[in-house]
Amino acid sequence: MQNIINAFLLVYAALFPIVNPIGSAPLFLRMTRGRTTAERSVLARSVARNSFFLLLGSLFIGSHVLEFFGITLPVVRVAGGLVVAAFGWRLLHAPEEPDLNNPKVDTGPTIDAFYPLTMPLTVGPGSISVAVTLGSQRPMAADDLTHLAMLGGAAVAGLAAIAITIFVSYRFADRIIMFLGARGTDVVMRLSAFILFCIGIQIIWNGLSALLGKTL
């Protein structure tokens, strides 16, 4: 049970700072200005659903694609851990302005839920790379298929929790910004960035341990 809880928390804690739904909420609110509350709710639901399936494919298929090209899982863990730690470090020292880390998108009179609201606003290359790295953390061997399925279910639940957070953050973006304020939003993201940095170091250590174990 502890491993299942850890799998859920690992997926959620690693993806939350990169997806950054709270930090992206002001941009979502600005891009959907002029829309009614009902229209904004539909867009938020669609973005959350798109993000879930995009991250789900990266989590369960991404590492297999890398293996197809002859890249071993320990190497993926070391490289991916470096990426995760670098993202955490950059977010930890990022400026307070929420828009600086978001790509500039040109929006026309109509806004599509997938582009630009899902990609690149919500799920970008950083989020996908983190999901691929987390997918590589699956056990090397599956002695207990039931236990492995439960771990996979916990990871999917973590993605579902991310999707729910995206929906709530975007649906109630105006209220969240008013409640937290600029300082509160920045504090939440700094703490999340530090956790992400620690997770990246842990993933690097897991990969190095596997590589060193093979060479000894």
N, C-alpha and C. Protein backbone atom coordinates (compact mmCIF):
# COMPACT_ATOMS: atom_id res chain seq x y z
N MET A 1 0.83 -1.21 0.00
CA MET A 1 0.00 0.00 0.00
C MET A 1 0.86 1.26 0.00
N GLN A 2 1.97 1.21 0.74
CA GLN A 2 2.86 2.37 0.79
C GLN A 2 3.45 2.67 -0.58
N ASN A 3 3.81 1.61 -1.33
CA ASN A 3 4.36 1.81 -2.67
C ASN A 3 3.34 2.42 -3.61
N ILE A 4 2.08 2.05 -3.45
CA ILE A 4 1.01 2.58 -4.29
C ILE A 4 0.81 4.07 -4.01
N ILE A 5 0.80 4.42 -2.72
CA ILE A 5 0.67 5.83 -2.35
C ILE A 5 1.86 6.63 -2.86
N ASN A 6 3.05 6.05 -2.75
CA ASN A 6 4.26 6.73 -3.22
C ASN A 6 4.21 6.95 -4.73
N ALA A 7 3.70 5.96 -5.48
CA ALA A 7 3.59 6.10 -6.93
C ALA A 7 2.64 7.24 -7.30
N PHE A 8 1.53 7.32 -6.59
CA PHE A 8 0.57 8.41 -6.83
C PHE A 8 1.20 9.77 -6.55
N LEU A 9 1.84 9.88 -5.38
CA LEU A 9 2.43 11.16 -4.99
C LEU A 9 3.60 11.54 -5.90
N LEU A 10 4.38 10.54 -6.35
CA LEU A 10 5.51 10.84 -7.21
C LEU A 10 5.05 11.45 -8.53
N VAL A 11 4.03 10.84 -9.14
CA VAL A 11 3.52 11.35 -10.42
C VAL A 11 2.95 12.76 -10.24
N TYR A 12 2.16 12.94 -9.20
CA TYR A 12 1.53 14.25 -9.00
C TYR A 12 2.55 15.33 -8.67
N ALA A 13 3.46 15.02 -7.73
CA ALA A 13 4.43 16.02 -7.28
C ALA A 13 5.42 16.38 -8.38
N ALA A 14 5.76 15.42 -9.24
CA ALA A 14 6.73 15.70 -10.29
C ALA A 14 6.12 16.52 -11.42
N LEU A 15 4.85 16.27 -11.74
CA LEU A 15 4.23 16.94 -12.88
C LEU A 15 3.61 18.29 -12.52
N PHE A 16 3.21 18.45 -11.27
CA PHE A 16 2.50 19.67 -10.89
C PHE A 16 3.30 20.96 -11.17
N PRO A 17 4.59 21.04 -10.78
CA PRO A 17 5.30 22.30 -11.05
C PRO A 17 5.54 22.55 -12.53
N ILE A 18 5.69 21.48 -13.34
CA ILE A 18 5.94 21.66 -14.76
C ILE A 18 4.66 22.04 -15.49
N VAL A 19 3.58 21.31 -15.21
CA VAL A 19 2.29 21.67 -15.81
C VAL A 19 1.86 23.05 -15.34
N ASN A 20 2.11 23.32 -14.05
CA ASN A 20 1.92 24.66 -13.48
C ASN A 20 0.53 25.23 -13.76
N PRO A 21 -0.54 24.52 -13.37
CA PRO A 21 -1.88 25.03 -13.66
C PRO A 21 -2.20 26.34 -12.96
N ILE A 22 -1.68 26.51 -11.73
CA ILE A 22 -1.95 27.75 -11.01
C ILE A 22 -1.23 28.92 -11.68
N GLY A 23 0.04 28.69 -12.06
CA GLY A 23 0.78 29.75 -12.73
C GLY A 23 0.24 30.08 -14.11
N SER A 24 -0.37 29.07 -14.78
CA SER A 24 -0.93 29.30 -16.12
C SER A 24 -2.34 29.86 -16.07
N ALA A 25 -2.96 29.83 -14.91
CA ALA A 25 -4.34 30.31 -14.79
C ALA A 25 -4.51 31.76 -15.25
N PRO A 26 -3.58 32.69 -14.89
CA PRO A 26 -3.77 34.06 -15.37
C PRO A 26 -3.75 34.16 -16.90
N LEU A 27 -2.86 33.40 -17.55
CA LEU A 27 -2.80 33.43 -19.01
C LEU A 27 -4.05 32.82 -19.62
N PHE A 28 -4.54 31.72 -19.03
CA PHE A 28 -5.79 31.12 -19.51
C PHE A 28 -6.93 32.11 -19.39
N LEU A 29 -6.97 32.82 -18.27
CA LEU A 29 -8.03 33.79 -18.06
C LEU A 29 -7.96 34.91 -19.08
N ARG A 30 -6.73 35.35 -19.40
CA ARG A 30 -6.57 36.42 -20.36
C ARG A 30 -6.92 35.96 -21.78
N MET A 31 -6.56 34.72 -22.11
CA MET A 31 -6.83 34.20 -23.45
C MET A 31 -8.30 33.90 -23.68
N THR A 32 -9.05 33.71 -22.60
CA THR A 32 -10.48 33.40 -22.73
C THR A 32 -11.35 34.58 -22.31
N ARG A 33 -10.77 35.75 -22.26
CA ARG A 33 -11.56 36.92 -21.88
C ARG A 33 -12.65 37.15 -22.94
N GLY A 34 -13.77 37.59 -22.51
CA GLY A 34 -14.89 37.76 -23.41
C GLY A 34 -15.77 36.53 -23.51
N ARG A 35 -15.28 35.39 -23.00
CA ARG A 35 -16.08 34.17 -23.00
C ARG A 35 -16.97 34.15 -21.76
N THR A 36 -18.10 33.49 -21.88
CA THR A 36 -18.99 33.37 -20.73
C THR A 36 -18.43 32.33 -19.77
N THR A 37 -18.99 32.29 -18.56
CA THR A 37 -18.55 31.32 -17.58
C THR A 37 -18.76 29.89 -18.07
N ALA A 38 -19.88 29.65 -18.75
CA ALA A 38 -20.16 28.31 -19.27
C ALA A 38 -19.15 27.92 -20.35
N GLU A 39 -18.81 28.86 -21.24
CA GLU A 39 -17.83 28.57 -22.29
C GLU A 39 -16.45 28.32 -21.70
N ARG A 40 -16.08 29.08 -20.70
CA ARG A 40 -14.79 28.88 -20.05
C ARG A 40 -14.75 27.53 -19.34
N SER A 41 -15.87 27.11 -18.77
CA SER A 41 -15.93 25.81 -18.11
C SER A 41 -15.75 24.67 -19.12
N VAL A 42 -16.35 24.79 -20.29
CA VAL A 42 -16.20 23.77 -21.33
C VAL A 42 -14.76 23.70 -21.80
N LEU A 43 -14.14 24.85 -22.01
CA LEU A 43 -12.74 24.89 -22.44
C LEU A 43 -11.84 24.27 -21.37
N ALA A 44 -12.07 24.58 -20.11
CA ALA A 44 -11.25 24.03 -19.03
C ALA A 44 -11.39 22.52 -18.97
N ARG A 45 -12.59 22.01 -19.16
CA ARG A 45 -12.80 20.56 -19.14
C ARG A 45 -12.08 19.89 -20.31
N SER A 46 -12.15 20.50 -21.48
CA SER A 46 -11.49 19.93 -22.65
C SER A 46 -9.97 19.93 -22.49
N VAL A 47 -9.42 21.02 -21.96
CA VAL A 47 -7.97 21.10 -21.74
C VAL A 47 -7.53 20.03 -20.75
N ALA A 48 -8.28 19.84 -19.68
CA ALA A 48 -7.94 18.83 -18.67
C ALA A 48 -7.96 17.44 -19.29
N ARG A 49 -8.96 17.15 -20.10
CA ARG A 49 -9.06 15.83 -20.73
C ARG A 49 -7.91 15.61 -21.72
N ASN A 50 -7.62 16.60 -22.54
CA ASN A 50 -6.52 16.48 -23.50
C ASN A 50 -5.18 16.28 -22.79
N SER A 51 -4.99 17.02 -21.72
CA SER A 51 -3.73 16.92 -20.97
C SER A 51 -3.57 15.53 -20.36
N PHE A 52 -4.67 14.98 -19.85
CA PHE A 52 -4.61 13.64 -19.25
C PHE A 52 -4.14 12.60 -20.26
N PHE A 53 -4.76 12.57 -21.43
CA PHE A 53 -4.41 11.55 -22.42
C PHE A 53 -3.02 11.78 -23.01
N LEU A 54 -2.63 13.03 -23.14
CA LEU A 54 -1.29 13.32 -23.65
C LEU A 54 -0.22 12.84 -22.67
N LEU A 55 -0.42 13.11 -21.40
CA LEU A 55 0.53 12.66 -20.39
C LEU A 55 0.47 11.15 -20.19
N LEU A 56 -0.72 10.57 -20.34
CA LEU A 56 -0.86 9.12 -20.20
C LEU A 56 -0.05 8.39 -21.26
N GLY A 57 -0.14 8.86 -22.52
CA GLY A 57 0.64 8.24 -23.58
C GLY A 57 2.13 8.40 -23.35
N SER A 58 2.56 9.55 -22.86
CA SER A 58 3.98 9.77 -22.58
C SER A 58 4.46 8.88 -21.45
N LEU A 59 3.60 8.68 -20.44
CA LEU A 59 3.99 7.89 -19.27
C LEU A 59 4.20 6.42 -19.61
N PHE A 60 3.29 5.86 -20.40
CA PHE A 60 3.31 4.41 -20.62
C PHE A 60 3.97 4.00 -21.93
N ILE A 61 4.10 4.91 -22.89
CA ILE A 61 4.66 4.54 -24.19
C ILE A 61 6.00 5.20 -24.45
N GLY A 62 6.21 6.36 -23.87
CA GLY A 62 7.41 7.14 -24.17
C GLY A 62 8.71 6.39 -23.95
N SER A 63 8.84 5.70 -22.82
CA SER A 63 10.08 4.99 -22.53
C SER A 63 10.28 3.82 -23.48
N HIS A 64 9.18 3.19 -23.94
CA HIS A 64 9.30 2.09 -24.89
C HIS A 64 9.82 2.58 -26.24
N VAL A 65 9.42 3.79 -26.61
CA VAL A 65 9.93 4.37 -27.85
C VAL A 65 11.44 4.57 -27.75
N LEU A 66 11.89 5.04 -26.59
CA LEU A 66 13.33 5.22 -26.40
C LEU A 66 14.06 3.88 -26.42
N GLU A 67 13.46 2.86 -25.81
CA GLU A 67 14.08 1.54 -25.83
C GLU A 67 14.18 0.99 -27.25
N PHE A 68 13.22 1.33 -28.09
CA PHE A 68 13.25 0.89 -29.48
C PHE A 68 14.51 1.38 -30.18
N PHE A 69 14.98 2.54 -29.76
CA PHE A 69 16.20 3.10 -30.35
C PHE A 69 17.46 2.66 -29.60
N GLY A 70 17.33 1.70 -28.69
CA GLY A 70 18.48 1.14 -28.02
C GLY A 70 18.95 1.90 -26.81
N ILE A 71 18.10 2.75 -26.25
CA ILE A 71 18.45 3.52 -25.06
C ILE A 71 17.91 2.78 -23.84
N THR A 72 18.81 2.40 -22.94
CA THR A 72 18.39 1.60 -21.78
C THR A 72 17.69 2.47 -20.74
N LEU A 73 16.89 1.81 -19.89
CA LEU A 73 16.13 2.53 -18.88
C LEU A 73 17.01 3.26 -17.86
N PRO A 74 18.12 2.66 -17.38
CA PRO A 74 18.97 3.43 -16.44
C PRO A 74 19.50 4.72 -17.05
N VAL A 75 19.87 4.67 -18.34
CA VAL A 75 20.34 5.88 -19.01
C VAL A 75 19.22 6.90 -19.12
N VAL A 76 18.01 6.41 -19.42
CA VAL A 76 16.85 7.31 -19.50
C VAL A 76 16.61 7.97 -18.14
N ARG A 77 16.79 7.19 -17.07
CA ARG A 77 16.56 7.74 -15.74
C ARG A 77 17.58 8.82 -15.39
N VAL A 78 18.85 8.57 -15.75
CA VAL A 78 19.88 9.58 -15.46
C VAL A 78 19.62 10.85 -16.27
N ALA A 79 19.40 10.69 -17.58
CA ALA A 79 19.16 11.85 -18.44
C ALA A 79 17.87 12.57 -18.06
N GLY A 80 16.82 11.79 -17.84
CA GLY A 80 15.55 12.40 -17.46
C GLY A 80 15.61 13.06 -16.10
N GLY A 81 16.35 12.44 -15.17
CA GLY A 81 16.51 13.05 -13.85
C GLY A 81 17.22 14.38 -13.93
N LEU A 82 18.22 14.46 -14.82
CA LEU A 82 18.91 15.73 -15.02
C LEU A 82 17.94 16.79 -15.54
N VAL A 83 17.06 16.38 -16.47
CA VAL A 83 16.06 17.32 -17.01
C VAL A 83 15.12 17.79 -15.91
N VAL A 84 14.64 16.82 -15.10
CA VAL A 84 13.70 17.17 -14.02
C VAL A 84 14.36 18.10 -13.01
N ALA A 85 15.60 17.76 -12.61
CA ALA A 85 16.30 18.60 -11.65
C ALA A 85 16.57 19.99 -12.21
N ALA A 86 16.91 20.05 -13.51
CA ALA A 86 17.17 21.35 -14.14
C ALA A 86 15.90 22.20 -14.18
N PHE A 87 14.76 21.56 -14.48
CA PHE A 87 13.50 22.29 -14.47
C PHE A 87 13.18 22.81 -13.08
N GLY A 88 13.38 21.94 -12.08
CA GLY A 88 13.12 22.37 -10.72
C GLY A 88 14.01 23.53 -10.29
N TRP A 89 15.30 23.44 -10.67
CA TRP A 89 16.23 24.52 -10.33
C TRP A 89 15.84 25.83 -11.02
N ARG A 90 15.44 25.72 -12.30
CA ARG A 90 15.07 26.93 -13.04
C ARG A 90 13.79 27.55 -12.48
N LEU A 91 12.81 26.70 -12.13
CA LEU A 91 11.58 27.23 -11.56
C LEU A 91 11.82 27.83 -10.17
N LEU A 92 12.78 27.24 -9.45
CA LEU A 92 13.08 27.74 -8.11
C LEU A 92 13.64 29.15 -8.16
N HIS A 93 14.37 29.47 -9.22
CA HIS A 93 15.01 30.78 -9.36
C HIS A 93 14.37 31.63 -10.45
N ALA A 94 13.17 31.23 -10.89
CA ALA A 94 12.50 31.98 -11.96
C ALA A 94 11.98 33.31 -11.44
N PRO A 95 11.83 34.30 -12.31
CA PRO A 95 11.23 35.58 -11.89
C PRO A 95 9.80 35.36 -11.44
N GLU A 96 9.28 36.31 -10.70
CA GLU A 96 7.94 36.16 -10.15
C GLU A 96 6.85 36.32 -11.19
N GLU A 97 7.13 36.98 -12.32
CA GLU A 97 6.09 37.21 -13.32
C GLU A 97 5.65 35.87 -13.89
N PRO A 98 4.33 35.55 -13.85
CA PRO A 98 3.87 34.24 -14.27
C PRO A 98 3.98 33.99 -15.75
N ASP A 99 4.06 35.03 -16.58
CA ASP A 99 4.03 34.85 -18.01
C ASP A 99 5.40 34.61 -18.62
N LEU A 100 6.48 34.79 -17.87
CA LEU A 100 7.81 34.72 -18.47
C LEU A 100 8.17 33.32 -18.91
N ASN A 101 7.68 32.28 -18.22
CA ASN A 101 8.02 30.91 -18.56
C ASN A 101 7.02 30.29 -19.52
N ASN A 102 6.01 31.03 -19.92
CA ASN A 102 5.01 30.51 -20.83
C ASN A 102 5.31 30.96 -22.24
N PRO A 103 5.14 30.07 -23.24
CA PRO A 103 5.38 30.45 -24.62
C PRO A 103 4.38 31.49 -25.09
N LYS A 104 4.82 32.34 -25.99
CA LYS A 104 3.95 33.35 -26.55
C LYS A 104 3.09 32.71 -27.64
N VAL A 105 1.79 32.82 -27.51
CA VAL A 105 0.91 32.21 -28.47
C VAL A 105 0.03 33.27 -29.10
N ASP A 106 -0.18 33.12 -30.40
CA ASP A 106 -1.01 34.07 -31.12
C ASP A 106 -2.42 33.52 -31.18
N THR A 107 -3.34 34.17 -30.53
CA THR A 107 -4.71 33.69 -30.50
C THR A 107 -5.58 34.52 -31.41
N GLY A 108 -6.42 33.84 -32.18
CA GLY A 108 -7.33 34.50 -33.08
C GLY A 108 -8.67 34.70 -32.40
N PRO A 109 -9.72 34.95 -33.22
CA PRO A 109 -11.04 35.17 -32.63
C PRO A 109 -11.60 33.92 -31.97
N THR A 110 -11.19 32.72 -32.45
CA THR A 110 -11.64 31.48 -31.83
C THR A 110 -10.46 30.80 -31.15
N ILE A 111 -10.73 30.12 -30.06
CA ILE A 111 -9.68 29.45 -29.29
C ILE A 111 -9.95 27.95 -29.31
N ASP A 112 -8.96 27.20 -29.77
CA ASP A 112 -9.08 25.75 -29.80
C ASP A 112 -8.61 25.18 -28.46
N ALA A 113 -9.31 24.16 -27.98
CA ALA A 113 -8.97 23.59 -26.67
C ALA A 113 -7.63 22.87 -26.69
N PHE A 114 -7.23 22.33 -27.85
CA PHE A 114 -5.95 21.62 -27.89
C PHE A 114 -4.80 22.58 -28.14
N TYR A 115 -4.90 23.37 -29.19
CA TYR A 115 -3.87 24.38 -29.46
C TYR A 115 -4.52 25.75 -29.50
N PRO A 116 -4.09 26.68 -28.68
CA PRO A 116 -2.88 26.64 -27.85
C PRO A 116 -3.13 26.34 -26.38
N LEU A 117 -4.36 26.02 -25.98
CA LEU A 117 -4.64 25.92 -24.55
C LEU A 117 -4.03 24.66 -23.92
N THR A 118 -4.09 23.52 -24.63
CA THR A 118 -3.46 22.32 -24.10
C THR A 118 -1.97 22.33 -24.38
N MET A 119 -1.61 22.46 -25.65
CA MET A 119 -0.22 22.62 -26.06
C MET A 119 -0.11 23.95 -26.80
N PRO A 120 0.84 24.79 -26.42
CA PRO A 120 1.88 24.56 -25.42
C PRO A 120 1.61 25.17 -24.05
N LEU A 121 0.41 25.74 -23.85
CA LEU A 121 0.17 26.46 -22.59
C LEU A 121 0.22 25.54 -21.37
N THR A 122 -0.44 24.38 -21.46
CA THR A 122 -0.56 23.51 -20.29
C THR A 122 0.46 22.37 -20.29
N VAL A 123 0.51 21.61 -21.36
CA VAL A 123 1.44 20.48 -21.49
C VAL A 123 2.40 20.78 -22.62
N GLY A 124 3.66 20.97 -22.28
CA GLY A 124 4.69 21.26 -23.27
C GLY A 124 5.77 20.19 -23.27
N PRO A 125 6.88 20.46 -23.93
CA PRO A 125 7.98 19.48 -23.96
C PRO A 125 8.49 19.11 -22.58
N GLY A 126 8.52 20.07 -21.66
CA GLY A 126 8.99 19.77 -20.31
C GLY A 126 8.10 18.76 -19.62
N SER A 127 6.78 18.96 -19.69
CA SER A 127 5.84 18.03 -19.05
C SER A 127 5.95 16.64 -19.66
N ILE A 128 6.08 16.58 -20.99
CA ILE A 128 6.17 15.29 -21.66
C ILE A 128 7.45 14.56 -21.27
N SER A 129 8.56 15.29 -21.19
CA SER A 129 9.83 14.65 -20.82
C SER A 129 9.78 14.13 -19.39
N VAL A 130 9.12 14.86 -18.49
CA VAL A 130 8.98 14.39 -17.12
C VAL A 130 8.13 13.12 -17.07
N ALA A 131 7.03 13.09 -17.85
CA ALA A 131 6.18 11.90 -17.87
C ALA A 131 6.93 10.69 -18.42
N VAL A 132 7.75 10.89 -19.45
CA VAL A 132 8.54 9.79 -20.00
C VAL A 132 9.52 9.28 -18.95
N THR A 133 10.15 10.20 -18.23
CA THR A 133 11.10 9.81 -17.19
C THR A 133 10.41 9.04 -16.08
N LEU A 134 9.24 9.48 -15.66
CA LEU A 134 8.49 8.77 -14.63
C LEU A 134 8.09 7.38 -15.11
N GLY A 135 7.74 7.26 -16.39
CA GLY A 135 7.38 5.97 -16.94
C GLY A 135 8.54 4.99 -16.91
N SER A 136 9.75 5.51 -16.99
CA SER A 136 10.93 4.64 -16.94
C SER A 136 11.20 4.13 -15.54
N GLN A 137 10.46 4.65 -14.53
CA GLN A 137 10.68 4.23 -13.15
C GLN A 137 9.93 2.94 -12.81
N ARG A 138 9.24 2.35 -13.79
CA ARG A 138 8.54 1.10 -13.51
C ARG A 138 9.54 0.01 -13.14
N PRO A 139 9.11 -1.01 -12.40
CA PRO A 139 10.02 -2.09 -12.00
C PRO A 139 10.61 -2.79 -13.21
N MET A 140 11.88 -3.17 -13.11
CA MET A 140 12.54 -3.86 -14.21
C MET A 140 11.90 -5.22 -14.47
N ALA A 141 11.46 -5.88 -13.45
CA ALA A 141 10.83 -7.18 -13.61
C ALA A 141 9.53 -7.20 -12.82
N ALA A 142 8.57 -7.91 -13.34
CA ALA A 142 7.26 -7.95 -12.70
C ALA A 142 6.98 -9.34 -12.17
N ASP A 143 7.35 -9.59 -10.90
CA ASP A 143 7.08 -10.88 -10.30
C ASP A 143 5.61 -10.98 -9.88
N ASP A 144 5.05 -9.88 -9.52
CA ASP A 144 3.66 -9.85 -9.08
C ASP A 144 2.89 -8.93 -10.02
N LEU A 145 2.16 -9.51 -10.97
CA LEU A 145 1.45 -8.70 -11.95
C LEU A 145 0.35 -7.87 -11.30
N THR A 146 -0.26 -8.42 -10.25
CA THR A 146 -1.31 -7.67 -9.56
C THR A 146 -0.73 -6.41 -8.92
N HIS A 147 0.42 -6.57 -8.28
CA HIS A 147 1.07 -5.41 -7.66
C HIS A 147 1.48 -4.39 -8.71
N LEU A 148 1.99 -4.87 -9.84
CA LEU A 148 2.40 -3.96 -10.91
C LEU A 148 1.19 -3.20 -11.47
N ALA A 149 0.07 -3.92 -11.60
CA ALA A 149 -1.15 -3.27 -12.10
C ALA A 149 -1.64 -2.20 -11.12
N MET A 150 -1.50 -2.48 -9.83
CA MET A 150 -1.91 -1.50 -8.83
C MET A 150 -1.02 -0.27 -8.87
N LEU A 151 0.29 -0.47 -9.10
CA LEU A 151 1.20 0.67 -9.23
C LEU A 151 0.84 1.50 -10.46
N GLY A 152 0.51 0.80 -11.56
CA GLY A 152 0.09 1.51 -12.77
C GLY A 152 -1.19 2.29 -12.54
N GLY A 153 -2.13 1.67 -11.80
CA GLY A 153 -3.37 2.37 -11.48
C GLY A 153 -3.13 3.60 -10.63
N ALA A 154 -2.16 3.50 -9.69
CA ALA A 154 -1.83 4.66 -8.85
C ALA A 154 -1.24 5.78 -9.70
N ALA A 155 -0.40 5.41 -10.69
CA ALA A 155 0.18 6.42 -11.58
C ALA A 155 -0.91 7.10 -12.41
N VAL A 156 -1.86 6.30 -12.91
CA VAL A 156 -2.99 6.87 -13.67
C VAL A 156 -3.82 7.79 -12.77
N ALA A 157 -4.00 7.38 -11.51
CA ALA A 157 -4.72 8.24 -10.57
C ALA A 157 -3.99 9.56 -10.36
N GLY A 158 -2.64 9.51 -10.34
CA GLY A 158 -1.87 10.74 -10.23
C GLY A 158 -2.10 11.66 -11.42
N LEU A 159 -2.16 11.07 -12.62
CA LEU A 159 -2.46 11.86 -13.82
C LEU A 159 -3.87 12.43 -13.76
N ALA A 160 -4.81 11.62 -13.26
CA ALA A 160 -6.18 12.11 -13.13
C ALA A 160 -6.25 13.28 -12.15
N ALA A 161 -5.47 13.19 -11.07
CA ALA A 161 -5.43 14.29 -10.10
C ALA A 161 -4.85 15.55 -10.73
N ILE A 162 -3.84 15.38 -11.59
CA ILE A 162 -3.29 16.53 -12.32
C ILE A 162 -4.36 17.14 -13.21
N ALA A 163 -5.11 16.28 -13.92
CA ALA A 163 -6.17 16.78 -14.82
C ALA A 163 -7.24 17.52 -14.03
N ILE A 164 -7.60 17.00 -12.87
CA ILE A 164 -8.60 17.68 -12.03
C ILE A 164 -8.07 19.03 -11.56
N THR A 165 -6.79 19.07 -11.19
CA THR A 165 -6.18 20.33 -10.76
C THR A 165 -6.20 21.35 -11.90
N ILE A 166 -5.92 20.89 -13.13
CA ILE A 166 -5.96 21.77 -14.29
C ILE A 166 -7.36 22.33 -14.47
N PHE A 167 -8.36 21.46 -14.38
CA PHE A 167 -9.74 21.91 -14.58
C PHE A 167 -10.14 22.93 -13.52
N VAL A 168 -9.86 22.62 -12.25
CA VAL A 168 -10.24 23.54 -11.18
C VAL A 168 -9.51 24.87 -11.31
N SER A 169 -8.21 24.81 -11.63
CA SER A 169 -7.42 26.04 -11.73
C SER A 169 -7.91 26.92 -12.87
N TYR A 170 -8.25 26.31 -14.00
CA TYR A 170 -8.71 27.09 -15.15
C TYR A 170 -10.17 27.52 -15.00
N ARG A 171 -10.98 26.62 -14.48
CA ARG A 171 -12.41 26.94 -14.34
C ARG A 171 -12.62 28.09 -13.36
N PHE A 172 -11.84 28.09 -12.27
CA PHE A 172 -11.98 29.14 -11.26
C PHE A 172 -10.74 30.03 -11.23
N ALA A 173 -10.18 30.29 -12.41
CA ALA A 173 -8.95 31.08 -12.50
C ALA A 173 -9.12 32.47 -11.88
N ASP A 174 -10.25 33.09 -12.14
CA ASP A 174 -10.46 34.44 -11.61
C ASP A 174 -10.48 34.45 -10.08
N ARG A 175 -11.11 33.45 -9.49
CA ARG A 175 -11.19 33.39 -8.02
C ARG A 175 -9.84 33.02 -7.41
N ILE A 176 -9.10 32.12 -8.06
CA ILE A 176 -7.81 31.71 -7.52
C ILE A 176 -6.84 32.88 -7.49
N ILE A 177 -6.81 33.64 -8.59
CA ILE A 177 -5.90 34.79 -8.66
C ILE A 177 -6.26 35.81 -7.59
N MET A 178 -7.55 36.01 -7.39
CA MET A 178 -7.99 36.97 -6.38
C MET A 178 -7.67 36.48 -4.97
N PHE A 179 -7.78 35.16 -4.73
CA PHE A 179 -7.57 34.61 -3.38
C PHE A 179 -6.09 34.55 -3.02
N LEU A 180 -5.26 34.00 -3.92
CA LEU A 180 -3.84 33.84 -3.61
C LEU A 180 -3.07 35.14 -3.72
N GLY A 181 -3.38 35.90 -4.73
CA GLY A 181 -2.59 37.09 -5.00
C GLY A 181 -1.26 36.71 -5.65
N ALA A 182 -0.50 37.68 -6.05
CA ALA A 182 0.77 37.42 -6.72
C ALA A 182 1.76 36.73 -5.79
N ARG A 183 1.83 37.18 -4.53
CA ARG A 183 2.78 36.60 -3.59
C ARG A 183 2.43 35.17 -3.23
N GLY A 184 1.17 34.87 -2.99
CA GLY A 184 0.77 33.52 -2.65
C GLY A 184 1.02 32.53 -3.77
N THR A 185 0.73 32.94 -5.01
CA THR A 185 0.99 32.07 -6.16
C THR A 185 2.47 31.77 -6.27
N ASP A 186 3.31 32.76 -6.04
CA ASP A 186 4.75 32.57 -6.15
C ASP A 186 5.26 31.62 -5.06
N VAL A 187 4.73 31.73 -3.84
CA VAL A 187 5.17 30.85 -2.75
C VAL A 187 4.82 29.39 -3.06
N VAL A 188 3.62 29.14 -3.56
CA VAL A 188 3.21 27.77 -3.91
C VAL A 188 4.15 27.18 -4.95
N MET A 189 4.50 27.95 -5.96
CA MET A 189 5.34 27.43 -7.02
C MET A 189 6.78 27.25 -6.57
N ARG A 190 7.29 28.09 -5.65
CA ARG A 190 8.66 27.91 -5.16
C ARG A 190 8.79 26.60 -4.38
N LEU A 191 7.80 26.32 -3.52
CA LEU A 191 7.83 25.07 -2.76
C LEU A 191 7.73 23.86 -3.68
N SER A 192 6.87 23.93 -4.68
CA SER A 192 6.73 22.83 -5.62
C SER A 192 8.00 22.64 -6.43
N ALA A 193 8.66 23.73 -6.78
CA ALA A 193 9.90 23.63 -7.55
C ALA A 193 11.00 22.94 -6.75
N PHE A 194 11.07 23.21 -5.45
CA PHE A 194 12.08 22.54 -4.62
C PHE A 194 11.82 21.04 -4.53
N ILE A 195 10.55 20.67 -4.39
CA ILE A 195 10.20 19.25 -4.37
C ILE A 195 10.58 18.59 -5.70
N LEU A 196 10.33 19.29 -6.79
CA LEU A 196 10.67 18.76 -8.11
C LEU A 196 12.17 18.56 -8.25
N PHE A 197 12.96 19.49 -7.75
CA PHE A 197 14.41 19.36 -7.80
C PHE A 197 14.88 18.12 -7.04
N CYS A 198 14.31 17.90 -5.86
CA CYS A 198 14.67 16.72 -5.06
C CYS A 198 14.27 15.43 -5.78
N ILE A 199 13.11 15.42 -6.44
CA ILE A 199 12.67 14.24 -7.19
C ILE A 199 13.64 13.96 -8.32
N GLY A 200 14.11 15.01 -8.99
CA GLY A 200 15.08 14.82 -10.08
C GLY A 200 16.36 14.19 -9.59
N ILE A 201 16.86 14.63 -8.44
CA ILE A 201 18.08 14.05 -7.86
C ILE A 201 17.86 12.58 -7.52
N GLN A 202 16.68 12.26 -6.99
CA GLN A 202 16.37 10.87 -6.64
C GLN A 202 16.34 9.98 -7.88
N ILE A 203 15.75 10.48 -8.98
CA ILE A 203 15.69 9.72 -10.23
C ILE A 203 17.10 9.49 -10.77
N ILE A 204 17.95 10.51 -10.70
CA ILE A 204 19.34 10.36 -11.14
C ILE A 204 20.03 9.27 -10.33
N TRP A 205 19.84 9.28 -9.02
CA TRP A 205 20.48 8.29 -8.15
C TRP A 205 20.00 6.87 -8.50
N ASN A 206 18.70 6.73 -8.79
CA ASN A 206 18.18 5.41 -9.16
C ASN A 206 18.85 4.91 -10.44
N GLY A 207 19.00 5.79 -11.42
CA GLY A 207 19.64 5.39 -12.66
C GLY A 207 21.10 5.06 -12.47
N LEU A 208 21.82 5.88 -11.70
CA LEU A 208 23.24 5.62 -11.46
C LEU A 208 23.45 4.32 -10.68
N SER A 209 22.56 4.06 -9.73
CA SER A 209 22.67 2.83 -8.96
C SER A 209 22.53 1.62 -9.86
N ALA A 210 21.58 1.68 -10.81
CA ALA A 210 21.41 0.56 -11.73
C ALA A 210 22.61 0.40 -12.66
N LEU A 211 23.15 1.52 -13.14
CA LEU A 211 24.31 1.44 -14.03
C LEU A 211 25.55 0.94 -13.30
N LEU A 212 25.77 1.44 -12.09
CA LEU A 212 26.93 1.00 -11.32
C LEU A 212 26.80 -0.46 -10.91
N GLY A 213 25.56 -0.90 -10.65
CA GLY A 213 25.35 -2.29 -10.29
C GLY A 213 25.68 -3.24 -11.42
N LYS A 214 25.47 -2.78 -12.67
CA LYS A 214 25.78 -3.63 -13.81
C LYS A 214 27.27 -3.69 -14.07
N THR A 215 27.99 -2.63 -13.75
CA THR A 215 29.42 -2.59 -14.05
C THR A 215 30.24 -3.29 -12.97
N LEU A 216 29.69 -3.43 -11.75
CA LEU A 216 30.44 -4.05 -10.66
C LEU A 216 30.34 -5.57 -10.72
